Amino acid sequence: NAKDTVHLQMGSLKPEDTAVYYCAAA
């Protein structure tokens, strides 16, 4: 919250994780 950022650390990736990834705010 100090840097106004959100992260997604992804590990052990699989072919089925292939996609366009979007961040969203509510």
PDB file of all heavy atoms in Angstrom:
ATOM      1  N   ASN A   1       0.813  -1.218   0.000  1.00  0.00           N
ATOM      2  CA  ASN A   1       0.000   0.000   0.000  1.00  0.00           C
ATOM      3  C   ASN A   1       0.851   1.274   0.000  1.00  0.00           C
ATOM      4  O   ASN A   1       0.344   2.343  -0.332  1.00  0.00           O
ATOM      5  CB  ASN A   1      -0.955   0.000   1.189  1.00  0.00           C
ATOM      6  CG  ASN A   1      -2.097  -0.981   1.002  1.00  0.00           C
ATOM      7  OD1 ASN A   1      -2.377  -1.428  -0.112  1.00  0.00           O
ATOM      8  ND2 ASN A   1      -2.763  -1.334   2.090  1.00  0.00           N
ATOM      9  N   ALA A   2       2.108   1.165   0.351  1.00  0.00           N
ATOM     10  CA  ALA A   2       2.997   2.329   0.290  1.00  0.00           C
ATOM     11  C   ALA A   2       3.426   2.635  -1.143  1.00  0.00           C
ATOM     12  O   ALA A   2       3.763   3.777  -1.463  1.00  0.00           O
ATOM     13  CB  ALA A   2       4.226   2.091   1.163  1.00  0.00           C
ATOM     14  N   LYS A   3       3.407   1.594  -1.983  1.00  0.00           N
ATOM     15  CA  LYS A   3       3.841   1.751  -3.375  1.00  0.00           C
ATOM     16  C   LYS A   3       2.703   1.596  -4.373  1.00  0.00           C
ATOM     17  O   LYS A   3       2.923   1.600  -5.580  1.00  0.00           O
ATOM     18  CB  LYS A   3       4.945   0.745  -3.692  1.00  0.00           C
ATOM     19  CG  LYS A   3       6.214   0.952  -2.882  1.00  0.00           C
ATOM     20  CD  LYS A   3       7.289  -0.044  -3.271  1.00  0.00           C
ATOM     21  CE  LYS A   3       8.574   0.199  -2.490  1.00  0.00           C
ATOM     22  NZ  LYS A   3       9.632  -0.777  -2.842  1.00  0.00           N
ATOM     23  N   ASP A   4       1.479   1.431  -3.855  1.00  0.00           N
ATOM     24  CA  ASP A   4       0.298   1.299  -4.718  1.00  0.00           C
ATOM     25  C   ASP A   4       0.467   0.189  -5.750  1.00  0.00           C
ATOM     26  O   ASP A   4       0.198   0.384  -6.951  1.00  0.00           O
ATOM     27  CB  ASP A   4      -0.026   2.624  -5.426  1.00  0.00           C
ATOM     28  CG  ASP A   4      -0.462   3.711  -4.467  1.00  0.00           C
ATOM     29  OD1 ASP A   4      -0.542   3.443  -3.256  1.00  0.00           O
ATOM     30  OD2 ASP A   4      -0.728   4.833  -4.928  1.00  0.00           O
ATOM     31  N   THR A   5       0.919  -0.959  -5.280  1.00  0.00           N
ATOM     32  CA  THR A   5       1.118  -2.078  -6.183  1.00  0.00           C
ATOM     33  C   THR A   5       0.532  -3.363  -5.588  1.00  0.00           C
ATOM     34  O   THR A   5       0.431  -3.516  -4.367  1.00  0.00           O
ATOM     35  CB  THR A   5       2.598  -2.321  -6.486  1.00  0.00           C
ATOM     36  OG1 THR A   5       3.289  -2.523  -5.248  1.00  0.00           O
ATOM     37  CG2 THR A   5       3.220  -1.167  -7.244  1.00  0.00           C
ATOM     38  N   VAL A   6       0.178  -4.255  -6.477  1.00  0.00           N
ATOM     39  CA  VAL A   6      -0.251  -5.595  -6.094  1.00  0.00           C
ATOM     40  C   VAL A   6       0.521  -6.586  -6.966  1.00  0.00           C
ATOM     41  O   VAL A   6       0.799  -6.311  -8.132  1.00  0.00           O
ATOM     42  CB  VAL A   6      -1.776  -5.765  -6.238  1.00  0.00           C
ATOM     43  CG1 VAL A   6      -2.250  -5.499  -7.658  1.00  0.00           C
ATOM     44  CG2 VAL A   6      -2.222  -7.131  -5.758  1.00  0.00           C
ATOM     45  N   HIS A   7       0.886  -7.698  -6.368  1.00  0.00           N
ATOM     46  CA  HIS A   7       1.695  -8.681  -7.060  1.00  0.00           C
ATOM     47  C   HIS A   7       1.008 -10.045  -7.048  1.00  0.00           C
ATOM     48  O   HIS A   7       0.209 -10.346  -6.161  1.00  0.00           O
ATOM     49  CB  HIS A   7       3.057  -8.813  -6.379  1.00  0.00           C
ATOM     50  CG  HIS A   7       3.814  -7.537  -6.283  1.00  0.00           C
ATOM     51  ND1 HIS A   7       4.438  -6.957  -7.366  1.00  0.00           N
ATOM     52  CD2 HIS A   7       4.037  -6.707  -5.238  1.00  0.00           C
ATOM     53  CE1 HIS A   7       5.016  -5.835  -6.986  1.00  0.00           C
ATOM     54  NE2 HIS A   7       4.788  -5.655  -5.699  1.00  0.00           N
ATOM     55  N   LEU A   8       1.385 -10.856  -8.024  1.00  0.00           N
ATOM     56  CA  LEU A   8       0.979 -12.248  -8.036  1.00  0.00           C
ATOM     57  C   LEU A   8       2.229 -13.072  -8.324  1.00  0.00           C
ATOM     58  O   LEU A   8       2.737 -13.060  -9.450  1.00  0.00           O
ATOM     59  CB  LEU A   8      -0.097 -12.506  -9.088  1.00  0.00           C
ATOM     60  CG  LEU A   8      -0.651 -13.927  -9.090  1.00  0.00           C
ATOM     61  CD1 LEU A   8      -1.454 -14.182  -7.810  1.00  0.00           C
ATOM     62  CD2 LEU A   8      -1.528 -14.182 -10.315  1.00  0.00           C
ATOM     63  N   GLN A   9       2.721 -13.733  -7.307  1.00  0.00           N
ATOM     64  CA  GLN A   9       3.860 -14.627  -7.459  1.00  0.00           C
ATOM     65  C   GLN A   9       3.331 -15.995  -7.863  1.00  0.00           C
ATOM     66  O   GLN A   9       2.541 -16.597  -7.125  1.00  0.00           O
ATOM     67  CB  GLN A   9       4.647 -14.726  -6.150  1.00  0.00           C
ATOM     68  CG  GLN A   9       5.849 -15.644  -6.227  1.00  0.00           C
ATOM     69  CD  GLN A   9       6.937 -15.105  -7.135  1.00  0.00           C
ATOM     70  OE1 GLN A   9       7.309 -13.929  -7.046  1.00  0.00           O
ATOM     71  NE2 GLN A   9       7.464 -15.954  -8.018  1.00  0.00           N
ATOM     72  N   MET A  10       3.759 -16.462  -9.030  1.00  0.00           N
ATOM     73  CA  MET A  10       3.259 -17.731  -9.560  1.00  0.00           C
ATOM     74  C   MET A  10       4.393 -18.734  -9.644  1.00  0.00           C
ATOM     75  O   MET A  10       5.440 -18.438 -10.231  1.00  0.00           O
ATOM     76  CB  MET A  10       2.655 -17.517 -10.948  1.00  0.00           C
ATOM     77  CG  MET A  10       1.569 -16.438 -10.975  1.00  0.00           C
ATOM     78  SD  MET A  10       0.750 -16.321 -12.578  1.00  0.00           S
ATOM     79  CE  MET A  10       2.100 -15.757 -13.598  1.00  0.00           C
ATOM     80  N   GLY A  11       4.198 -19.908  -9.062  1.00  0.00           N
ATOM     81  CA  GLY A  11       5.208 -20.942  -9.093  1.00  0.00           C
ATOM     82  C   GLY A  11       4.625 -22.260  -9.560  1.00  0.00           C
ATOM     83  O   GLY A  11       3.403 -22.423  -9.669  1.00  0.00           O
ATOM     84  N   SER A  12       5.516 -23.197  -9.858  1.00  0.00           N
ATOM     85  CA  SER A  12       5.093 -24.523 -10.356  1.00  0.00           C
ATOM     86  C   SER A  12       4.069 -24.372 -11.468  1.00  0.00           C
ATOM     87  O   SER A  12       3.032 -25.049 -11.485  1.00  0.00           O
ATOM     88  CB  SER A  12       4.519 -25.357  -9.213  1.00  0.00           C
ATOM     89  OG  SER A  12       5.460 -25.529  -8.177  1.00  0.00           O
ATOM     90  N   LEU A  13       4.374 -23.505 -12.405  1.00  0.00           N
ATOM     91  CA  LEU A  13       3.403 -23.175 -13.461  1.00  0.00           C
ATOM     92  C   LEU A  13       3.110 -24.376 -14.345  1.00  0.00           C
ATOM     93  O   LEU A  13       3.996 -25.212 -14.609  1.00  0.00           O
ATOM     94  CB  LEU A  13       3.906 -22.000 -14.281  1.00  0.00           C
ATOM     95  CG  LEU A  13       3.736 -20.653 -13.575  1.00  0.00           C
ATOM     96  CD1 LEU A  13       4.633 -19.597 -14.215  1.00  0.00           C
ATOM     97  CD2 LEU A  13       2.286 -20.204 -13.628  1.00  0.00           C
ATOM     98  N   LYS A  14       1.866 -24.428 -14.803  1.00  0.00           N
ATOM     99  CA  LYS A  14       1.382 -25.515 -15.655  1.00  0.00           C
ATOM    100  C   LYS A  14       0.867 -24.929 -16.963  1.00  0.00           C
ATOM    101  O   LYS A  14       0.438 -23.765 -16.997  1.00  0.00           O
ATOM    102  CB  LYS A  14       0.250 -26.249 -14.952  1.00  0.00           C
ATOM    103  CG  LYS A  14       0.606 -26.787 -13.574  1.00  0.00           C
ATOM    104  CD  LYS A  14      -0.607 -27.402 -12.903  1.00  0.00           C
ATOM    105  CE  LYS A  14      -0.256 -27.917 -11.506  1.00  0.00           C
ATOM    106  NZ  LYS A  14      -1.433 -28.521 -10.836  1.00  0.00           N
ATOM    107  N   PRO A  15       0.863 -25.707 -18.030  1.00  0.00           N
ATOM    108  CA  PRO A  15       0.319 -25.193 -19.298  1.00  0.00           C
ATOM    109  C   PRO A  15      -1.100 -24.655 -19.148  1.00  0.00           C
ATOM    110  O   PRO A  15      -1.463 -23.687 -19.836  1.00  0.00           O
ATOM    111  CB  PRO A  15       0.382 -26.418 -20.212  1.00  0.00           C
ATOM    112  CG  PRO A  15       1.543 -27.205 -19.691  1.00  0.00           C
ATOM    113  CD  PRO A  15       1.477 -27.038 -18.195  1.00  0.00           C
ATOM    114  N   GLU A  16      -1.888 -25.236 -18.269  1.00  0.00           N
ATOM    115  CA  GLU A  16      -3.265 -24.765 -18.090  1.00  0.00           C
ATOM    116  C   GLU A  16      -3.345 -23.414 -17.382  1.00  0.00           C
ATOM    117  O   GLU A  16      -4.439 -22.835 -17.266  1.00  0.00           O
ATOM    118  CB  GLU A  16      -4.108 -25.800 -17.331  1.00  0.00           C
ATOM    119  CG  GLU A  16      -3.495 -26.293 -16.049  1.00  0.00           C
ATOM    120  CD  GLU A  16      -2.757 -27.618 -16.235  1.00  0.00           C
ATOM    121  OE1 GLU A  16      -2.029 -27.757 -17.242  1.00  0.00           O
ATOM    122  OE2 GLU A  16      -2.888 -28.479 -15.344  1.00  0.00           O
ATOM    123  N   ASP A  17      -2.221 -22.883 -16.915  1.00  0.00           N
ATOM    124  CA  ASP A  17      -2.191 -21.523 -16.366  1.00  0.00           C
ATOM    125  C   ASP A  17      -2.056 -20.472 -17.466  1.00  0.00           C
ATOM    126  O   ASP A  17      -2.123 -19.276 -17.184  1.00  0.00           O
ATOM    127  CB  ASP A  17      -1.029 -21.365 -15.378  1.00  0.00           C
ATOM    128  CG  ASP A  17      -1.190 -22.224 -14.136  1.00  0.00           C
ATOM    129  OD1 ASP A  17      -2.315 -22.301 -13.604  1.00  0.00           O
ATOM    130  OD2 ASP A  17      -0.178 -22.809 -13.698  1.00  0.00           O
ATOM    131  N   THR A  18      -1.848 -20.909 -18.688  1.00  0.00           N
ATOM    132  CA  THR A  18      -1.720 -19.984 -19.812  1.00  0.00           C
ATOM    133  C   THR A  18      -2.996 -19.171 -19.977  1.00  0.00           C
ATOM    134  O   THR A  18      -4.094 -19.729 -20.076  1.00  0.00           O
ATOM    135  CB  THR A  18      -1.418 -20.751 -21.099  1.00  0.00           C
ATOM    136  OG1 THR A  18      -0.134 -21.379 -20.982  1.00  0.00           O
ATOM    137  CG2 THR A  18      -1.413 -19.821 -22.299  1.00  0.00           C
ATOM    138  N   ALA A  19      -2.857 -17.849 -19.988  1.00  0.00           N
ATOM    139  CA  ALA A  19      -4.006 -16.954 -20.085  1.00  0.00           C
ATOM    140  C   ALA A  19      -3.505 -15.522 -20.109  1.00  0.00           C
ATOM    141  O   ALA A  19      -2.324 -15.257 -19.855  1.00  0.00           O
ATOM    142  CB  ALA A  19      -4.951 -17.144 -18.899  1.00  0.00           C
ATOM    143  N   VAL A  20      -4.424 -14.603 -20.375  1.00  0.00           N
ATOM    144  CA  VAL A  20      -4.172 -13.191 -20.104  1.00  0.00           C
ATOM    145  C   VAL A  20      -4.593 -12.938 -18.660  1.00  0.00           C
ATOM    146  O   VAL A  20      -5.718 -13.277 -18.268  1.00  0.00           O
ATOM    147  CB  VAL A  20      -4.952 -12.283 -21.063  1.00  0.00           C
ATOM    148  CG1 VAL A  20      -4.717 -10.816 -20.701  1.00  0.00           C
ATOM    149  CG2 VAL A  20      -4.533 -12.549 -22.509  1.00  0.00           C
ATOM    150  N   TYR A  21      -3.711 -12.364 -17.897  1.00  0.00           N
ATOM    151  CA  TYR A  21      -3.962 -12.095 -16.481  1.00  0.00           C
ATOM    152  C   TYR A  21      -4.283 -10.618 -16.294  1.00  0.00           C
ATOM    153  O   TYR A  21      -3.563  -9.751 -16.803  1.00  0.00           O
ATOM    154  CB  TYR A  21      -2.751 -12.494 -15.644  1.00  0.00           C
ATOM    155  CG  TYR A  21      -2.649 -13.976 -15.430  1.00  0.00           C
ATOM    156  CD1 TYR A  21      -2.301 -14.826 -16.478  1.00  0.00           C
ATOM    157  CD2 TYR A  21      -2.927 -14.550 -14.196  1.00  0.00           C
ATOM    158  CE1 TYR A  21      -2.232 -16.197 -16.299  1.00  0.00           C
ATOM    159  CE2 TYR A  21      -2.854 -15.917 -13.995  1.00  0.00           C
ATOM    160  CZ  TYR A  21      -2.510 -16.736 -15.051  1.00  0.00           C
ATOM    161  OH  TYR A  21      -2.440 -18.107 -14.867  1.00  0.00           O
ATOM    162  N   TYR A  22      -5.350 -10.368 -15.541  1.00  0.00           N
ATOM    163  CA  TYR A  22      -5.816  -9.003 -15.292  1.00  0.00           C
ATOM    164  C   TYR A  22      -5.828  -8.722 -13.795  1.00  0.00           C
ATOM    165  O   TYR A  22      -6.247  -9.578 -13.010  1.00  0.00           O
ATOM    166  CB  TYR A  22      -7.249  -8.827 -15.797  1.00  0.00           C
ATOM    167  CG  TYR A  22      -7.436  -9.031 -17.262  1.00  0.00           C
ATOM    168  CD1 TYR A  22      -7.717 -10.291 -17.790  1.00  0.00           C
ATOM    169  CD2 TYR A  22      -7.366  -7.949 -18.146  1.00  0.00           C
ATOM    170  CE1 TYR A  22      -7.902 -10.475 -19.151  1.00  0.00           C
ATOM    171  CE2 TYR A  22      -7.549  -8.124 -19.509  1.00  0.00           C
ATOM    172  CZ  TYR A  22      -7.809  -9.394 -20.000  1.00  0.00           C
ATOM    173  OH  TYR A  22      -8.008  -9.561 -21.345  1.00  0.00           O
ATOM    174  N   CYS A  23      -5.406  -7.527 -13.416  1.00  0.00           N
ATOM    175  CA  CYS A  23      -5.652  -7.119 -12.043  1.00  0.00           C
ATOM    176  C   CYS A  23      -6.906  -6.242 -12.013  1.00  0.00           C
ATOM    177  O   CYS A  23      -7.267  -5.621 -13.021  1.00  0.00           O
ATOM    178  CB  CYS A  23      -4.467  -6.407 -11.417  1.00  0.00           C
ATOM    179  SG  CYS A  23      -4.058  -4.806 -12.094  1.00  0.00           S
ATOM    180  N   ALA A  24      -7.558  -6.246 -10.876  1.00  0.00           N
ATOM    181  CA  ALA A  24      -8.829  -5.553 -10.732  1.00  0.00           C
ATOM    182  C   ALA A  24      -8.948  -4.954  -9.339  1.00  0.00           C
ATOM    183  O   ALA A  24      -8.390  -5.492  -8.380  1.00  0.00           O
ATOM    184  CB  ALA A  24      -9.982  -6.524 -10.981  1.00  0.00           C
ATOM    185  N   ALA A  25      -9.691  -3.858  -9.253  1.00  0.00           N
ATOM    186  CA  ALA A  25      -9.906  -3.172  -7.979  1.00  0.00           C
ATOM    187  C   ALA A  25     -11.392  -2.990  -7.730  1.00  0.00           C
ATOM    188  O   ALA A  25     -12.143  -2.632  -8.650  1.00  0.00           O
ATOM    189  CB  ALA A  25      -9.208  -1.819  -7.985  1.00  0.00           C
ATOM    190  N   ALA A  26     -11.788  -3.234  -6.489  1.00  0.00           N
ATOM    191  CA  ALA A  26     -13.188  -3.116  -6.097  1.00  0.00           C
ATOM    192  C   ALA A  26     -13.339  -2.037  -5.039  1.00  0.00           C
ATOM    193  O   ALA A  26     -12.614  -2.029  -4.045  1.00  0.00           O
ATOM    194  CB  ALA A  26     -13.696  -4.444  -5.556  1.00  0.00           C
TER     195      ALA A  26
END
